Amino acid sequence: MTLCKSLLAISLLASVNLAAALEIKPYSAPELADLQGAGKPVALHFHADWCPTCRAQEKVFNGWKGDPAVPGTLLVVNYDNERELRKSMGVRSQSTLIVFKGKAETARLAGETDPKALANALGSAR
């Protein structure tokens, strides 16, 4: 009986941690609005497939997928297709990361690939 309770506790703890772990999704305006409206941590990664810096950032972010130490949602914005969004947010280059806690911007980085700097930026929305 004690073993069953221990396994159940471990299983519940794991599911709670996964619920708060980094989730990576393609950008959509409704998704951003929902997350911001709920006051959740959300980041926009302005990514271009042709950009080597973006690919380096993507590797770092993918390494954190499901990691409860890096909570929130990362929405990947197609830099080439989302011109109006870029303009409205003042984004001048691909490989830009903008982090929000709800609707408040908490961090902005451009061209950064250092995992510690990226983690600090994402962590600014806690």
C-alpha atoms as a PDB file:
ATOM      1  CA  MET A   1       0.000   0.000   0.000  1.00  0.00           C
ATOM      2  CA  THR A   2       2.799   2.420   0.849  1.00  0.00           C
ATOM      3  CA  LEU A   3       4.484   1.667  -2.487  1.00  0.00           C
ATOM      4  CA  CYS A   4       1.248   2.497  -4.325  1.00  0.00           C
ATOM      5  CA  LYS A   5       0.930   5.806  -2.464  1.00  0.00           C
ATOM      6  CA  SER A   6       4.562   6.672  -3.222  1.00  0.00           C
ATOM      7  CA  LEU A   7       4.135   5.893  -6.917  1.00  0.00           C
ATOM      8  CA  LEU A   8       0.948   7.941  -7.055  1.00  0.00           C
ATOM      9  CA  ALA A   9       2.662  10.892  -5.364  1.00  0.00           C
ATOM     10  CA  ILE A  10       5.603  10.721  -7.782  1.00  0.00           C
ATOM     11  CA  SER A  11       3.255  10.509 -10.749  1.00  0.00           C
ATOM     12  CA  LEU A  12       1.213  13.517  -9.581  1.00  0.00           C
ATOM     13  CA  LEU A  13       4.355  15.545  -8.929  1.00  0.00           C
ATOM     14  CA  ALA A  14       5.676  14.758 -12.405  1.00  0.00           C
ATOM     15  CA  SER A  15       2.412  15.827 -14.037  1.00  0.00           C
ATOM     16  CA  VAL A  16       2.382  19.107 -12.079  1.00  0.00           C
ATOM     17  CA  ASN A  17       5.964  19.815 -13.140  1.00  0.00           C
ATOM     18  CA  LEU A  18       5.159  19.126 -16.788  1.00  0.00           C
ATOM     19  CA  ALA A  19       2.202  21.495 -16.626  1.00  0.00           C
ATOM     20  CA  ALA A  20       4.564  24.335 -15.641  1.00  0.00           C
ATOM     21  CA  ALA A  21       7.336  23.334 -18.058  1.00  0.00           C
ATOM     22  CA  LEU A  22       8.402  25.196 -21.199  1.00  0.00           C
ATOM     23  CA  GLU A  23       6.011  24.621 -24.060  1.00  0.00           C
ATOM     24  CA  ILE A  24       7.013  25.552 -27.629  1.00  0.00           C
ATOM     25  CA  LYS A  25       4.315  26.280 -30.217  1.00  0.00           C
ATOM     26  CA  PRO A  26       3.957  28.123 -33.515  1.00  0.00           C
ATOM     27  CA  TYR A  27       2.780  31.715 -33.094  1.00  0.00           C
ATOM     28  CA  SER A  28      -0.878  32.572 -33.424  1.00  0.00           C
ATOM     29  CA  ALA A  29      -2.492  35.865 -32.429  1.00  0.00           C
ATOM     30  CA  PRO A  30      -5.349  34.144 -30.518  1.00  0.00           C
ATOM     31  CA  GLU A  31      -2.866  32.006 -28.535  1.00  0.00           C
ATOM     32  CA  LEU A  32      -0.828  35.089 -27.585  1.00  0.00           C
ATOM     33  CA  ALA A  33      -3.981  36.971 -26.577  1.00  0.00           C
ATOM     34  CA  ASP A  34      -5.209  34.039 -24.452  1.00  0.00           C
ATOM     35  CA  LEU A  35      -1.890  33.649 -22.632  1.00  0.00           C
ATOM     36  CA  GLN A  36      -1.490  37.373 -22.060  1.00  0.00           C
ATOM     37  CA  GLY A  37      -5.101  37.725 -20.924  1.00  0.00           C
ATOM     38  CA  ALA A  38      -4.533  34.970 -18.366  1.00  0.00           C
ATOM     39  CA  GLY A  39      -1.400  36.740 -17.073  1.00  0.00           C
ATOM     40  CA  LYS A  40       0.817  33.814 -18.035  1.00  0.00           C
ATOM     41  CA  PRO A  41       4.505  33.972 -19.001  1.00  0.00           C
ATOM     42  CA  VAL A  42       4.846  33.943 -22.782  1.00  0.00           C
ATOM     43  CA  ALA A  43       7.713  34.710 -25.129  1.00  0.00           C
ATOM     44  CA  LEU A  44       7.858  35.432 -28.846  1.00  0.00           C
ATOM     45  CA  HIS A  45      10.846  34.102 -30.773  1.00  0.00           C
ATOM     46  CA  PHE A  46      11.124  35.868 -34.137  1.00  0.00           C
ATOM     47  CA  HIS A  47      12.679  33.038 -36.120  1.00  0.00           C
ATOM     48  CA  ALA A  48      13.790  32.682 -39.735  1.00  0.00           C
ATOM     49  CA  ASP A  49      14.724  29.284 -41.156  1.00  0.00           C
ATOM     50  CA  TRP A  50      17.642  30.824 -43.067  1.00  0.00           C
ATOM     51  CA  CYS A  51      19.115  32.445 -39.924  1.00  0.00           C
ATOM     52  CA  PRO A  52      22.033  30.583 -38.255  1.00  0.00           C
ATOM     53  CA  THR A  53      21.568  32.547 -35.004  1.00  0.00           C
ATOM     54  CA  CYS A  54      17.890  31.541 -34.918  1.00  0.00           C
ATOM     55  CA  ARG A  55      18.840  27.895 -35.373  1.00  0.00           C
ATOM     56  CA  ALA A  56      21.329  28.142 -32.491  1.00  0.00           C
ATOM     57  CA  GLN A  57      18.632  29.687 -30.282  1.00  0.00           C
ATOM     58  CA  GLU A  58      16.176  27.000 -31.365  1.00  0.00           C
ATOM     59  CA  LYS A  59      18.577  24.268 -30.178  1.00  0.00           C
ATOM     60  CA  VAL A  60      18.801  25.915 -26.753  1.00  0.00           C
ATOM     61  CA  PHE A  61      15.020  26.317 -26.492  1.00  0.00           C
ATOM     62  CA  ASN A  62      14.359  22.738 -27.620  1.00  0.00           C
ATOM     63  CA  GLY A  63      16.746  21.523 -24.928  1.00  0.00           C
ATOM     64  CA  TRP A  64      14.456  23.123 -22.349  1.00  0.00           C
ATOM     65  CA  LYS A  65      11.209  21.741 -23.770  1.00  0.00           C
ATOM     66  CA  GLY A  66       9.341  20.144 -20.890  1.00  0.00           C
ATOM     67  CA  ASP A  67      11.826  21.469 -18.309  1.00  0.00           C
ATOM     68  CA  PRO A  68       9.988  22.841 -15.250  1.00  0.00           C
ATOM     69  CA  ALA A  69      12.986  25.088 -14.482  1.00  0.00           C
ATOM     70  CA  VAL A  70      12.028  27.099 -17.589  1.00  0.00           C
ATOM     71  CA  PRO A  71       8.273  27.678 -17.338  1.00  0.00           C
ATOM     72  CA  GLY A  72       5.970  29.374 -19.799  1.00  0.00           C
ATOM     73  CA  THR A  73       5.147  29.214 -23.472  1.00  0.00           C
ATOM     74  CA  LEU A  74       7.471  30.104 -26.330  1.00  0.00           C
ATOM     75  CA  LEU A  75       5.608  31.090 -29.484  1.00  0.00           C
ATOM     76  CA  VAL A  76       7.764  30.824 -32.599  1.00  0.00           C
ATOM     77  CA  VAL A  77       7.013  33.696 -34.981  1.00  0.00           C
ATOM     78  CA  ASN A  78       7.861  33.334 -38.673  1.00  0.00           C
ATOM     79  CA  TYR A  79      10.013  36.435 -39.129  1.00  0.00           C
ATOM     80  CA  ASP A  80       9.498  36.575 -42.889  1.00  0.00           C
ATOM     81  CA  ASN A  81       5.690  36.239 -42.809  1.00  0.00           C
ATOM     82  CA  GLU A  82       4.655  38.305 -39.777  1.00  0.00           C
ATOM     83  CA  ARG A  83       5.599  41.781 -41.017  1.00  0.00           C
ATOM     84  CA  GLU A  84       2.762  43.627 -39.250  1.00  0.00           C
ATOM     85  CA  LEU A  85       3.564  41.976 -35.923  1.00  0.00           C
ATOM     86  CA  ARG A  86       7.243  42.858 -36.340  1.00  0.00           C
ATOM     87  CA  LYS A  87       6.333  46.466 -37.062  1.00  0.00           C
ATOM     88  CA  SER A  88       3.894  46.751 -34.156  1.00  0.00           C
ATOM     89  CA  MET A  89       6.480  45.342 -31.714  1.00  0.00           C
ATOM     90  CA  GLY A  90       9.461  47.265 -33.074  1.00  0.00           C
ATOM     91  CA  VAL A  91      11.350  44.138 -34.115  1.00  0.00           C
ATOM     92  CA  ARG A  92      14.132  45.010 -36.546  1.00  0.00           C
ATOM     93  CA  SER A  93      15.923  41.694 -36.856  1.00  0.00           C
ATOM     94  CA  GLN A  94      15.313  37.991 -36.784  1.00  0.00           C
ATOM     95  CA  SER A  95      16.558  36.108 -33.718  1.00  0.00           C
ATOM     96  CA  THR A  96      14.703  38.549 -31.452  1.00  0.00           C
ATOM     97  CA  LEU A  97      13.168  37.208 -28.241  1.00  0.00           C
ATOM     98  CA  ILE A  98      10.481  39.227 -26.451  1.00  0.00           C
ATOM     99  CA  VAL A  99       9.247  37.968 -23.075  1.00  0.00           C
ATOM    100  CA  PHE A 100       5.970  38.968 -21.422  1.00  0.00           C
ATOM    101  CA  LYS A 101       4.282  38.387 -18.077  1.00  0.00           C
ATOM    102  CA  GLY A 102       0.717  38.875 -19.192  1.00  0.00           C
ATOM    103  CA  LYS A 103       0.813  41.997 -21.365  1.00  0.00           C
ATOM    104  CA  ALA A 104       3.867  43.552 -19.678  1.00  0.00           C
ATOM    105  CA  GLU A 105       7.165  43.130 -21.518  1.00  0.00           C
ATOM    106  CA  THR A 106       9.813  41.854 -19.105  1.00  0.00           C
ATOM    107  CA  ALA A 107      12.777  41.217 -21.422  1.00  0.00           C
ATOM    108  CA  ARG A 108      13.963  41.654 -24.995  1.00  0.00           C
ATOM    109  CA  LEU A 109      17.066  40.164 -26.600  1.00  0.00           C
ATOM    110  CA  ALA A 110      18.267  40.180 -30.193  1.00  0.00           C
ATOM    111  CA  GLY A 111      20.937  37.879 -31.582  1.00  0.00           C
ATOM    112  CA  GLU A 112      21.669  36.270 -28.208  1.00  0.00           C
ATOM    113  CA  THR A 113      22.620  32.580 -28.147  1.00  0.00           C
ATOM    114  CA  ASP A 114      24.084  32.254 -24.640  1.00  0.00           C
ATOM    115  CA  PRO A 115      21.873  29.765 -22.745  1.00  0.00           C
ATOM    116  CA  LYS A 116      22.255  31.657 -19.466  1.00  0.00           C
ATOM    117  CA  ALA A 117      21.138  34.957 -21.013  1.00  0.00           C
ATOM    118  CA  LEU A 118      18.200  33.267 -22.759  1.00  0.00           C
ATOM    119  CA  ALA A 119      17.175  31.500 -19.521  1.00  0.00           C
ATOM    120  CA  ASN A 120      17.387  34.772 -17.594  1.00  0.00           C
ATOM    121  CA  ALA A 121      15.187  36.464 -20.179  1.00  0.00           C
ATOM    122  CA  LEU A 122      12.571  33.703 -20.034  1.00  0.00           C
ATOM    123  CA  GLY A 123      12.792  33.673 -16.247  1.00  0.00           C
ATOM    124  CA  SER A 124      12.025  37.399 -16.086  1.00  0.00           C
ATOM    125  CA  ALA A 125       8.324  36.593 -16.574  1.00  0.00           C
ATOM    126  CA  ARG A 126       7.952  34.482 -13.413  1.00  0.00           C
END
